[in-house]
Amino acid sequence: QVQLVESGGGLVQAGGSLRLSCTASARSIFQYWPVAWFRQAPGKEREFVARILWSGADSSYSDFAKGRFTISKDNAKNTVDLQVNNLKPEDTAIYYCALRSSRSQFVLSGTRQYNYWGQGTQVTVSA
């Protein structure tokens, strides 16, 4: 069983930045399968933010994430990070890391397409 743990969330002012990290209990697992970040705001459905392939060669973003969010992976640290810049109050949400235990080159943005999830890290952006 793979366990994912997110960290790096917190309370920031609008315009600030955060770097979220996702670590896995299984060593090197991010080098085999795609990883995504999702977020869920209060009263809303969980939505796709970004995903990166196991090779790190390709990453994709939802429209709202383009330009401010950057997903990356660090094989040495066994982490997948999400850098978020110029934070806005509407970015307030719980951010989740998710892993799909099969390979696909497609941009899979549905929650059902990922079978391992972390507990999430809270990001709160004040105006």
Foldseek 3Di string as FASTA:
>chain_A
DKAKAKDWADEEAAQAKIKMKIAIPDQLPLLAWKKFKWWDDPPGDIWTAKIAGSNNPDMDGDPVNPPFWDWGADNVRRMIMIMGGRDDQVVFTWMKMFTAPDYDPDDDIDPVRTDYIYPTDTHGYHD
